[in-house]
Every structure is written in C-alpha cells, then in structure tokens.
Amino acid sequence: MNCTGHACFIQHPRTADDLIVLHDVADEQPYEIVRTIRLQAIDFENFITDMTVDRQYIEDSAALCGDGEIKKCLLICGRDPAFGILVIPEAKCYVGWAAYIRE
C-alpha cells in the first residue's frame, strides 16, 4: 500500500491523545504509507494507550520507514478502524514520530 497525504507529526507521543492537537496546516508534512498493520481490538487499544513500549510488529517493518522529505510510515490501526496512527519508528521498535489520521 503506497498511500500518500499530509499529517502533523508529533515526536515521542505517549498516547494517541497526544496526537490530536490543533495545528496550522502549514505544519503538516507529506507522508507515504509503506505498510499497514491491522491489530486486534485489544492490541490496538494497548498500542494507543501506551506508545512508549517496544513493539515487535514495529520492529519487523522498521527498515521500510524513514524520516526524509517524504516521511515513510507504518499505518497502525484496528481491524475495523475509524482512525489510524502513522508511525516512524525510532531505534527500530518504538514510536519516534507519529500522526493521527482518519481512514
């Protein structure tokens, strides 16, 4: 999946609530989704309530990501998502930068 768009990325968020911020549209950066990771409901809930924990599913796809002119991201969402989290891993297995998006 190579979806693109613009989003406001936050460094080292603790929870998904940290990503829902008022921001200037000029602060949004271009991104490309390089892989979508769909989680079971409980796993997604655990992820969005504690984004500081190392996650194997992030580490498994970290090599695909990058923080360049166009941010190459993972999209992490639930099985039937109303929203998702764009993630650029740091140290391969946890969230370095993230953004909230609606699917």
PDB file of N, CA and C in Angstrom:
ATOM      1  N   MET A   1       0.851  -1.180   0.000  1.00  0.00           N
ATOM      2  CA  MET A   1       0.000   0.000   0.000  1.00  0.00           C
ATOM      3  C   MET A   1       0.889   1.233   0.000  1.00  0.00           C
ATOM      4  N   ASN A   2       0.750   2.079  -1.000  1.00  0.00           N
ATOM      5  CA  ASN A   2       1.539   3.293  -1.081  1.00  0.00           C
ATOM      6  C   ASN A   2       0.629   4.512  -1.087  1.00  0.00           C
ATOM      7  N   CYS A   3      -0.093   4.741  -0.019  1.00  0.00           N
ATOM      8  CA  CYS A   3      -0.974   5.894   0.106  1.00  0.00           C
ATOM      9  C   CYS A   3      -0.153   7.086   0.559  1.00  0.00           C
ATOM     10  N   THR A   4      -0.544   8.253   0.094  1.00  0.00           N
ATOM     11  CA  THR A   4       0.179   9.457   0.463  1.00  0.00           C
ATOM     12  C   THR A   4      -0.786  10.492   1.009  1.00  0.00           C
ATOM     13  N   GLY A   5      -0.233  11.509   1.632  1.00  0.00           N
ATOM     14  CA  GLY A   5      -1.031  12.592   2.176  1.00  0.00           C
ATOM     15  C   GLY A   5      -0.159  13.527   2.975  1.00  0.00           C
ATOM     16  N   HIS A   6      -0.795  14.322   3.825  1.00  0.00           N
ATOM     17  CA  HIS A   6      -0.102  15.244   4.713  1.00  0.00           C
ATOM     18  C   HIS A   6      -0.668  15.080   6.113  1.00  0.00           C
ATOM     19  N   ALA A   7       0.198  15.149   7.116  1.00  0.00           N
ATOM     20  CA  ALA A   7      -0.238  14.996   8.508  1.00  0.00           C
ATOM     21  C   ALA A   7       0.700  15.764   9.427  1.00  0.00           C
ATOM     22  N   CYS A   8       0.223  16.037  10.619  1.00  0.00           N
ATOM     23  CA  CYS A   8       1.017  16.717  11.649  1.00  0.00           C
ATOM     24  C   CYS A   8       1.665  15.654  12.536  1.00  0.00           C
ATOM     25  N   PHE A   9       2.979  15.516  12.448  1.00  0.00           N
ATOM     26  CA  PHE A   9       3.713  14.508  13.202  1.00  0.00           C
ATOM     27  C   PHE A   9       4.188  15.068  14.541  1.00  0.00           C
ATOM     28  N   ILE A  10       4.067  14.247  15.582  1.00  0.00           N
ATOM     29  CA  ILE A  10       4.473  14.594  16.938  1.00  0.00           C
ATOM     30  C   ILE A  10       5.601  13.648  17.357  1.00  0.00           C
ATOM     31  N   GLN A  11       6.648  14.198  17.952  1.00  0.00           N
ATOM     32  CA  GLN A  11       7.782  13.365  18.384  1.00  0.00           C
ATOM     33  C   GLN A  11       7.506  12.756  19.752  1.00  0.00           C
ATOM     34  N   HIS A  12       7.786  11.470  19.865  1.00  0.00           N
ATOM     35  CA  HIS A  12       7.681  10.691  21.107  1.00  0.00           C
ATOM     36  C   HIS A  12       6.347  10.846  21.841  1.00  0.00           C
ATOM     37  N   PRO A  13       5.235  10.584  21.177  1.00  0.00           N
ATOM     38  CA  PRO A  13       3.950  10.662  21.887  1.00  0.00           C
ATOM     39  C   PRO A  13       3.818   9.512  22.883  1.00  0.00           C
ATOM     40  N   ARG A  14       3.105   9.775  23.963  1.00  0.00           N
ATOM     41  CA  ARG A  14       2.869   8.730  24.963  1.00  0.00           C
ATOM     42  C   ARG A  14       1.582   7.965  24.647  1.00  0.00           C
ATOM     43  N   THR A  15       0.556   8.694  24.216  1.00  0.00           N
ATOM     44  CA  THR A  15      -0.725   8.078  23.882  1.00  0.00           C
ATOM     45  C   THR A  15      -1.259   8.708  22.594  1.00  0.00           C
ATOM     46  N   ALA A  16      -2.314   8.124  22.048  1.00  0.00           N
ATOM     47  CA  ALA A  16      -2.932   8.683  20.846  1.00  0.00           C
ATOM     48  C   ALA A  16      -3.511  10.068  21.123  1.00  0.00           C
ATOM     49  N   ASP A  17      -3.927  10.329  22.353  1.00  0.00           N
ATOM     50  CA  ASP A  17      -4.447  11.653  22.700  1.00  0.00           C
ATOM     51  C   ASP A  17      -3.414  12.749  22.466  1.00  0.00           C
ATOM     52  N   ASP A  18      -2.136  12.431  22.594  1.00  0.00           N
ATOM     53  CA  ASP A  18      -1.070  13.414  22.356  1.00  0.00           C
ATOM     54  C   ASP A  18      -1.012  13.846  20.893  1.00  0.00           C
ATOM     55  N   LEU A  19      -1.605  13.058  20.003  1.00  0.00           N
ATOM     56  CA  LEU A  19      -1.540  13.334  18.571  1.00  0.00           C
ATOM     57  C   LEU A  19      -2.683  14.213  18.082  1.00  0.00           C
ATOM     58  N   ILE A  20      -3.702  14.368  18.894  1.00  0.00           N
ATOM     59  CA  ILE A  20      -4.872  15.140  18.493  1.00  0.00           C
ATOM     60  C   ILE A  20      -4.686  16.565  19.010  1.00  0.00           C
ATOM     61  N   VAL A  21      -4.025  17.371  18.196  1.00  0.00           N
ATOM     62  CA  VAL A  21      -3.689  18.734  18.586  1.00  0.00           C
ATOM     63  C   VAL A  21      -4.121  19.712  17.497  1.00  0.00           C
ATOM     64  N   LEU A  22      -4.484  20.909  17.917  1.00  0.00           N
ATOM     65  CA  LEU A  22      -4.728  21.966  16.955  1.00  0.00           C
ATOM     66  C   LEU A  22      -3.393  22.355  16.351  1.00  0.00           C
ATOM     67  N   HIS A  23      -3.374  22.518  15.048  1.00  0.00           N
ATOM     68  CA  HIS A  23      -2.120  22.882  14.392  1.00  0.00           C
ATOM     69  C   HIS A  23      -2.409  23.642  13.109  1.00  0.00           C
ATOM     70  N   ASP A  24      -1.425  24.351  12.667  1.00  0.00           N
ATOM     71  CA  ASP A  24      -1.502  25.078  11.409  1.00  0.00           C
ATOM     72  C   ASP A  24      -1.313  24.073  10.276  1.00  0.00           C
ATOM     73  N   VAL A  25      -2.095  24.176   9.230  1.00  0.00           N
ATOM     74  CA  VAL A  25      -1.972  23.270   8.093  1.00  0.00           C
ATOM     75  C   VAL A  25      -0.551  23.331   7.516  1.00  0.00           C
ATOM     76  N   ALA A  26       0.109  24.459   7.641  1.00  0.00           N
ATOM     77  CA  ALA A  26       1.485  24.602   7.148  1.00  0.00           C
ATOM     78  C   ALA A  26       2.463  23.708   7.912  1.00  0.00           C
ATOM     79  N   ASP A  27       2.071  23.246   9.096  1.00  0.00           N
ATOM     80  CA  ASP A  27       2.924  22.361   9.889  1.00  0.00           C
ATOM     81  C   ASP A  27       2.813  20.895   9.453  1.00  0.00           C
ATOM     82  N   GLU A  28       1.858  20.592   8.595  1.00  0.00           N
ATOM     83  CA  GLU A  28       1.694  19.220   8.130  1.00  0.00           C
ATOM     84  C   GLU A  28       2.804  18.864   7.152  1.00  0.00           C
ATOM     85  N   GLN A  29       3.246  17.614   7.227  1.00  0.00           N
ATOM     86  CA  GLN A  29       4.333  17.136   6.385  1.00  0.00           C
ATOM     87  C   GLN A  29       3.836  16.003   5.498  1.00  0.00           C
ATOM     88  N   PRO A  30       4.421  15.862   4.306  1.00  0.00           N
ATOM     89  CA  PRO A  30       3.997  14.786   3.413  1.00  0.00           C
ATOM     90  C   PRO A  30       4.447  13.426   3.931  1.00  0.00           C
ATOM     91  N   TYR A  31       3.609  12.426   3.686  1.00  0.00           N
ATOM     92  CA  TYR A  31       3.952  11.070   4.101  1.00  0.00           C
ATOM     93  C   TYR A  31       3.560  10.069   3.024  1.00  0.00           C
ATOM     94  N   GLU A  32       4.145   8.893   3.146  1.00  0.00           N
ATOM     95  CA  GLU A  32       3.794   7.747   2.319  1.00  0.00           C
ATOM     96  C   GLU A  32       3.654   6.547   3.242  1.00  0.00           C
ATOM     97  N   ILE A  33       2.559   5.819   3.127  1.00  0.00           N
ATOM     98  CA  ILE A  33       2.355   4.613   3.932  1.00  0.00           C
ATOM     99  C   ILE A  33       3.032   3.453   3.212  1.00  0.00           C
ATOM    100  N   VAL A  34       4.019   2.844   3.862  1.00  0.00           N
ATOM    101  CA  VAL A  34       4.752   1.739   3.246  1.00  0.00           C
ATOM    102  C   VAL A  34       4.224   0.376   3.689  1.00  0.00           C
ATOM    103  N   ARG A  35       3.516   0.335   4.798  1.00  0.00           N
ATOM    104  CA  ARG A  35       2.899  -0.919   5.261  1.00  0.00           C
ATOM    105  C   ARG A  35       1.769  -0.589   6.233  1.00  0.00           C
ATOM    106  N   THR A  36       0.686  -1.354   6.133  1.00  0.00           N
ATOM    107  CA  THR A  36      -0.425  -1.232   7.065  1.00  0.00           C
ATOM    108  C   THR A  36      -0.397  -2.425   8.007  1.00  0.00           C
ATOM    109  N   ILE A  37      -0.495  -2.132   9.296  1.00  0.00           N
ATOM    110  CA  ILE A  37      -0.523  -3.173  10.324  1.00  0.00           C
ATOM    111  C   ILE A  37      -1.881  -3.089  11.017  1.00  0.00           C
ATOM    112  N   ARG A  38      -2.704  -4.117  10.820  1.00  0.00           N
ATOM    113  CA  ARG A  38      -4.032  -4.166  11.447  1.00  0.00           C
ATOM    114  C   ARG A  38      -3.951  -5.058  12.680  1.00  0.00           C
ATOM    115  N   LEU A  39      -4.368  -4.501  13.801  1.00  0.00           N
ATOM    116  CA  LEU A  39      -4.282  -5.201  15.080  1.00  0.00           C
ATOM    117  C   LEU A  39      -5.677  -5.600  15.564  1.00  0.00           C
ATOM    118  N   GLN A  40      -5.716  -6.642  16.385  1.00  0.00           N
ATOM    119  CA  GLN A  40      -6.940  -6.997  17.090  1.00  0.00           C
ATOM    120  C   GLN A  40      -7.296  -5.836  18.023  1.00  0.00           C
ATOM    121  N   ALA A  41      -8.560  -5.731  18.390  1.00  0.00           N
ATOM    122  CA  ALA A  41      -9.048  -4.600  19.185  1.00  0.00           C
ATOM    123  C   ALA A  41      -8.235  -4.379  20.461  1.00  0.00           C
ATOM    124  N   ILE A  42      -7.961  -5.429  21.219  1.00  0.00           N
ATOM    125  CA  ILE A  42      -7.233  -5.265  22.489  1.00  0.00           C
ATOM    126  C   ILE A  42      -5.789  -4.827  22.242  1.00  0.00           C
ATOM    127  N   ASP A  43      -5.167  -5.346  21.188  1.00  0.00           N
ATOM    128  CA  ASP A  43      -3.796  -4.956  20.873  1.00  0.00           C
ATOM    129  C   ASP A  43      -3.724  -3.499  20.417  1.00  0.00           C
ATOM    130  N   PHE A  44      -4.717  -3.064  19.641  1.00  0.00           N
ATOM    131  CA  PHE A  44      -4.747  -1.670  19.202  1.00  0.00           C
ATOM    132  C   PHE A  44      -4.985  -0.743  20.395  1.00  0.00           C
ATOM    133  N   GLU A  45      -5.885  -1.129  21.283  1.00  0.00           N
ATOM    134  CA  GLU A  45      -6.140  -0.336  22.491  1.00  0.00           C
ATOM    135  C   GLU A  45      -4.866  -0.215  23.336  1.00  0.00           C
ATOM    136  N   ASN A  46      -4.146  -1.326  23.492  1.00  0.00           N
ATOM    137  CA  ASN A  46      -2.881  -1.286  24.231  1.00  0.00           C
ATOM    138  C   ASN A  46      -1.880  -0.351  23.562  1.00  0.00           C
ATOM    139  N   PHE A  47      -1.813  -0.397  22.232  1.00  0.00           N
ATOM    140  CA  PHE A  47      -0.885   0.457  21.497  1.00  0.00           C
ATOM    141  C   PHE A  47      -1.205   1.933  21.686  1.00  0.00           C
ATOM    142  N   ILE A  48      -2.478   2.320  21.498  1.00  0.00           N
ATOM    143  CA  ILE A  48      -2.802   3.749  21.558  1.00  0.00           C
ATOM    144  C   ILE A  48      -2.799   4.316  22.975  1.00  0.00           C
ATOM    145  N   THR A  49      -2.847   3.453  23.995  1.00  0.00           N
ATOM    146  CA  THR A  49      -2.793   3.950  25.369  1.00  0.00           C
ATOM    147  C   THR A  49      -1.380   3.937  25.945  1.00  0.00           C
ATOM    148  N   ASP A  50      -0.434   3.285  25.264  1.00  0.00           N
ATOM    149  CA  ASP A  50       0.970   3.329  25.694  1.00  0.00           C
ATOM    150  C   ASP A  50       1.872   3.136  24.476  1.00  0.00           C
ATOM    151  N   MET A  51       2.210   4.238  23.841  1.00  0.00           N
ATOM    152  CA  MET A  51       3.019   4.197  22.629  1.00  0.00           C
ATOM    153  C   MET A  51       4.523   4.212  22.932  1.00  0.00           C
ATOM    154  N   THR A  52       4.888   4.128  24.211  1.00  0.00           N
ATOM    155  CA  THR A  52       6.302   4.161  24.597  1.00  0.00           C
ATOM    156  C   THR A  52       6.931   2.769  24.687  1.00  0.00           C
ATOM    157  N   VAL A  53       6.123   1.730  24.556  1.00  0.00           N
ATOM    158  CA  VAL A  53       6.583   0.355  24.699  1.00  0.00           C
ATOM    159  C   VAL A  53       7.132  -0.164  23.371  1.00  0.00           C
ATOM    160  N   ASP A  54       8.225  -0.937  23.442  1.00  0.00           N
ATOM    161  CA  ASP A  54       8.755  -1.596  22.247  1.00  0.00           C
ATOM    162  C   ASP A  54       7.709  -2.578  21.725  1.00  0.00           C
ATOM    163  N   ARG A  55       7.522  -2.596  20.402  1.00  0.00           N
ATOM    164  CA  ARG A  55       6.533  -3.480  19.783  1.00  0.00           C
ATOM    165  C   ARG A  55       7.218  -4.285  18.678  1.00  0.00           C
ATOM    166  N   GLN A  56       7.050  -5.591  18.708  1.00  0.00           N
ATOM    167  CA  GLN A  56       7.683  -6.456  17.712  1.00  0.00           C
ATOM    168  C   GLN A  56       7.180  -6.136  16.307  1.00  0.00           C
ATOM    169  N   TYR A  57       5.885  -5.855  16.169  1.00  0.00           N
ATOM    170  CA  TYR A  57       5.336  -5.564  14.843  1.00  0.00           C
ATOM    171  C   TYR A  57       5.899  -4.272  14.252  1.00  0.00           C
ATOM    172  N   ILE A  58       6.331  -3.346  15.092  1.00  0.00           N
ATOM    173  CA  ILE A  58       7.013  -2.145  14.594  1.00  0.00           C
ATOM    174  C   ILE A  58       8.419  -2.506  14.160  1.00  0.00           C
ATOM    175  N   GLU A  59       9.118  -3.265  14.977  1.00  0.00           N
ATOM    176  CA  GLU A  59      10.484  -3.668  14.641  1.00  0.00           C
ATOM    177  C   GLU A  59      10.528  -4.458  13.330  1.00  0.00           C
ATOM    178  N   ASP A  60       9.548  -5.318  13.108  1.00  0.00           N
ATOM    179  CA  ASP A  60       9.518  -6.150  11.909  1.00  0.00           C
ATOM    180  C   ASP A  60       9.446  -5.337  10.616  1.00  0.00           C
ATOM    181  N   SER A  61       8.922  -4.126  10.684  1.00  0.00           N
ATOM    182  CA  SER A  61       8.756  -3.290   9.480  1.00  0.00           C
ATOM    183  C   SER A  61       9.571  -2.006   9.510  1.00  0.00           C
ATOM    184  N   ALA A  62      10.387  -1.810  10.519  1.00  0.00           N
ATOM    185  CA  ALA A  62      11.118  -0.553  10.698  1.00  0.00           C
ATOM    186  C   ALA A  62      12.040  -0.221   9.531  1.00  0.00           C
ATOM    187  N   ALA A  63      12.617  -1.223   8.903  1.00  0.00           N
ATOM    188  CA  ALA A  63      13.559  -0.981   7.803  1.00  0.00           C
ATOM    189  C   ALA A  63      12.890  -0.318   6.601  1.00  0.00           C
ATOM    190  N   LEU A  64      11.580  -0.405   6.487  1.00  0.00           N
ATOM    191  CA  LEU A  64      10.850   0.205   5.374  1.00  0.00           C
ATOM    192  C   LEU A  64      10.632   1.700   5.567  1.00  0.00           C
ATOM    193  N   CYS A  65      10.804   2.181   6.797  1.00  0.00           N
ATOM    194  CA  CYS A  65      10.438   3.544   7.162  1.00  0.00           C
ATOM    195  C   CYS A  65      11.621   4.492   7.095  1.00  0.00           C
ATOM    196  N   GLY A  66      11.291   5.785   7.019  1.00  0.00           N
ATOM    197  CA  GLY A  66      12.336   6.792   7.017  1.00  0.00           C
ATOM    198  C   GLY A  66      11.770   8.179   7.247  1.00  0.00           C
ATOM    199  N   ASP A  67      12.633   9.069   7.726  1.00  0.00           N
ATOM    200  CA  ASP A  67      12.243  10.431   8.081  1.00  0.00           C
ATOM    201  C   ASP A  67      12.926  11.408   7.132  1.00  0.00           C
ATOM    202  N   GLY A  68      12.578  11.340   5.845  1.00  0.00           N
ATOM    203  CA  GLY A  68      13.164  12.226   4.850  1.00  0.00           C
ATOM    204  C   GLY A  68      12.207  13.338   4.474  1.00  0.00           C
ATOM    205  N   GLU A  69      12.353  13.840   3.247  1.00  0.00           N
ATOM    206  CA  GLU A  69      11.468  14.889   2.754  1.00  0.00           C
ATOM    207  C   GLU A  69      10.017  14.400   2.751  1.00  0.00           C
ATOM    208  N   ILE A  70       9.833  13.142   2.339  1.00  0.00           N
ATOM    209  CA  ILE A  70       8.529  12.487   2.458  1.00  0.00           C
ATOM    210  C   ILE A  70       8.693  11.390   3.499  1.00  0.00           C
ATOM    211  N   LYS A  71       7.949  11.486   4.585  1.00  0.00           N
ATOM    212  CA  LYS A  71       8.078  10.531   5.680  1.00  0.00           C
ATOM    213  C   LYS A  71       7.485   9.182   5.257  1.00  0.00           C
ATOM    214  N   LYS A  72       8.277   8.147   5.336  1.00  0.00           N
ATOM    215  CA  LYS A  72       7.816   6.791   5.020  1.00  0.00           C
ATOM    216  C   LYS A  72       7.359   6.160   6.326  1.00  0.00           C
ATOM    217  N   CYS A  73       6.070   5.815   6.388  1.00  0.00           N
ATOM    218  CA  CYS A  73       5.420   5.450   7.651  1.00  0.00           C
ATOM    219  C   CYS A  73       4.744   4.098   7.605  1.00  0.00           C
ATOM    220  N   LEU A  74       4.531   3.578   8.809  1.00  0.00           N
ATOM    221  CA  LEU A  74       3.635   2.453   9.020  1.00  0.00           C
ATOM    222  C   LEU A  74       2.282   3.035   9.392  1.00  0.00           C
ATOM    223  N   LEU A  75       1.209   2.421   8.930  1.00  0.00           N
ATOM    224  CA  LEU A  75      -0.123   2.775   9.398  1.00  0.00           C
ATOM    225  C   LEU A  75      -0.558   1.661  10.333  1.00  0.00           C
ATOM    226  N   ILE A  76      -0.775   2.007  11.587  1.00  0.00           N
ATOM    227  CA  ILE A  76      -1.214   1.028  12.581  1.00  0.00           C
ATOM    228  C   ILE A  76      -2.661   1.352  12.917  1.00  0.00           C
ATOM    229  N   CYS A  77      -3.522   0.342  12.766  1.00  0.00           N
ATOM    230  CA  CYS A  77      -4.941   0.557  13.001  1.00  0.00           C
ATOM    231  C   CYS A  77      -5.584  -0.721  13.527  1.00  0.00           C
ATOM    232  N   GLY A  78      -6.852  -0.586  13.937  1.00  0.00           N
ATOM    233  CA  GLY A  78      -7.610  -1.737  14.390  1.00  0.00           C
ATOM    234  C   GLY A  78      -8.201  -2.482  13.202  1.00  0.00           C
ATOM    235  N   ARG A  79      -8.899  -3.562  13.461  1.00  0.00           N
ATOM    236  CA  ARG A  79      -9.493  -4.373  12.390  1.00  0.00           C
ATOM    237  C   ARG A  79     -10.562  -3.613  11.616  1.00  0.00           C
ATOM    238  N   ASP A  80     -11.356  -2.813  12.285  1.00  0.00           N
ATOM    239  CA  ASP A  80     -12.404  -2.021  11.646  1.00  0.00           C
ATOM    240  C   ASP A  80     -12.203  -0.572  12.077  1.00  0.00           C
ATOM    241  N   PRO A  81     -11.178   0.068  11.540  1.00  0.00           N
ATOM    242  CA  PRO A  81     -10.744   1.345  12.101  1.00  0.00           C
ATOM    243  C   PRO A  81     -11.592   2.540  11.683  1.00  0.00           C
ATOM    244  N   ALA A  82     -11.802   3.422  12.616  1.00  0.00           N
ATOM    245  CA  ALA A  82     -12.337   4.736  12.320  1.00  0.00           C
ATOM    246  C   ALA A  82     -11.165   5.698  12.136  1.00  0.00           C
ATOM    247  N   PHE A  83     -10.014   5.322  12.663  1.00  0.00           N
ATOM    248  CA  PHE A  83      -8.800   6.132  12.560  1.00  0.00           C
ATOM    249  C   PHE A  83      -7.586   5.227  12.623  1.00  0.00           C
ATOM    250  N   GLY A  84      -6.433   5.807  12.363  1.00  0.00           N
ATOM    251  CA  GLY A  84      -5.183   5.064  12.438  1.00  0.00           C
ATOM    252  C   GLY A  84      -4.066   5.968  12.906  1.00  0.00           C
ATOM    253  N   ILE A  85      -2.942   5.364  13.196  1.00  0.00           N
ATOM    254  CA  ILE A  85      -1.766   6.099  13.651  1.00  0.00           C
ATOM    255  C   ILE A  85      -0.638   5.853  12.653  1.00  0.00           C
ATOM    256  N   LEU A  86      -0.096   6.934  12.099  1.00  0.00           N
ATOM    257  CA  LEU A  86       1.092   6.836  11.264  1.00  0.00           C
ATOM    258  C   LEU A  86       2.293   6.795  12.187  1.00  0.00           C
ATOM    259  N   VAL A  87       3.217   5.878  11.939  1.00  0.00           N
ATOM    260  CA  VAL A  87       4.370   5.712  12.826  1.00  0.00           C
ATOM    261  C   VAL A  87       5.655   5.697  12.018  1.00  0.00           C
ATOM    262  N   ILE A  88       6.628   6.465  12.508  1.00  0.00           N
ATOM    263  CA  ILE A  88       8.004   6.355  12.036  1.00  0.00           C
ATOM    264  C   ILE A  88       8.792   5.838  13.234  1.00  0.00           C
ATOM    265  N   PRO A  89       9.293   4.607  13.151  1.00  0.00           N
ATOM    266  CA  PRO A  89       9.985   4.005  14.290  1.00  0.00           C
ATOM    267  C   PRO A  89      11.304   4.706  14.617  1.00  0.00           C
ATOM    268  N   GLU A  90      11.669   4.584  15.871  1.00  0.00           N
ATOM    269  CA  GLU A  90      12.963   5.046  16.346  1.00  0.00           C
ATOM    270  C   GLU A  90      13.602   3.872  17.070  1.00  0.00           C
ATOM    271  N   ALA A  91      14.885   3.702  16.897  1.00  0.00           N
ATOM    272  CA  ALA A  91      15.596   2.565  17.485  1.00  0.00           C
ATOM    273  C   ALA A  91      14.912   1.255  17.104  1.00  0.00           C
ATOM    274  N   LYS A  92      14.298   1.248  15.942  1.00  0.00           N
ATOM    275  CA  LYS A  92      13.681   0.088  15.291  1.00  0.00           C
ATOM    276  C   LYS A  92      12.393  -0.443  15.892  1.00  0.00           C
ATOM    277  N   CYS A  93      12.116  -0.232  17.179  1.00  0.00           N
ATOM    278  CA  CYS A  93      10.982  -0.957  17.741  1.00  0.00           C
ATOM    279  C   CYS A  93       9.983  -0.105  18.524  1.00  0.00           C
ATOM    280  N   TYR A  94      10.163   1.205  18.582  1.00  0.00           N
ATOM    281  CA  TYR A  94       9.143   2.006  19.246  1.00  0.00           C
ATOM    282  C   TYR A  94       8.875   3.277  18.454  1.00  0.00           C
ATOM    283  N   VAL A  95       7.850   3.997  18.848  1.00  0.00           N
ATOM    284  CA  VAL A  95       7.375   5.152  18.107  1.00  0.00           C
ATOM    285  C   VAL A  95       8.297   6.347  18.324  1.00  0.00           C
ATOM    286  N   GLY A  96       8.921   6.809  17.243  1.00  0.00           N
ATOM    287  CA  GLY A  96       9.724   8.015  17.298  1.00  0.00           C
ATOM    288  C   GLY A  96       8.876   9.237  16.950  1.00  0.00           C
ATOM    289  N   TRP A  97       8.202   9.161  15.819  1.00  0.00           N
ATOM    290  CA  TRP A  97       7.271  10.193  15.356  1.00  0.00           C
ATOM    291  C   TRP A  97       5.941   9.520  15.020  1.00  0.00           C
ATOM    292  N   ALA A  98       4.854  10.215  15.257  1.00  0.00           N
ATOM    293  CA  ALA A  98       3.539   9.644  14.949  1.00  0.00           C
ATOM    294  C   ALA A  98       2.567  10.748  14.598  1.00  0.00           C
ATOM    295  N   ALA A  99       1.522  10.374  13.863  1.00  0.00           N
ATOM    296  CA  ALA A  99       0.460  11.292  13.489  1.00  0.00           C
ATOM    297  C   ALA A  99      -0.863  10.537  13.484  1.00  0.00           C
ATOM    298  N   TYR A 100      -1.901  11.238  13.833  1.00  0.00           N
ATOM    299  CA  TYR A 100      -3.267  10.712  13.824  1.00  0.00           C
ATOM    300  C   TYR A 100      -3.878  10.971  12.459  1.00  0.00           C
ATOM    301  N   ILE A 101      -4.500   9.953  11.861  1.00  0.00           N
ATOM    302  CA  ILE A 101      -5.241  10.181  10.616  1.00  0.00           C
ATOM    303  C   ILE A 101      -6.554   9.418  10.655  1.00  0.00           C
ATOM    304  N   ARG A 102      -7.505   9.902   9.905  1.00  0.00           N
ATOM    305  CA  ARG A 102      -8.790   9.205   9.736  1.00  0.00           C
ATOM    306  C   ARG A 102      -8.724   8.437   8.445  1.00  0.00           C
ATOM    307  N   GLU A 103      -9.226   7.207   8.461  1.00  0.00           N
ATOM    308  CA  GLU A 103      -9.266   6.404   7.225  1.00  0.00           C
ATOM    309  C   GLU A 103     -10.535   6.710   6.469  1.00  0.00           C
TER     310      GLU A 103
END
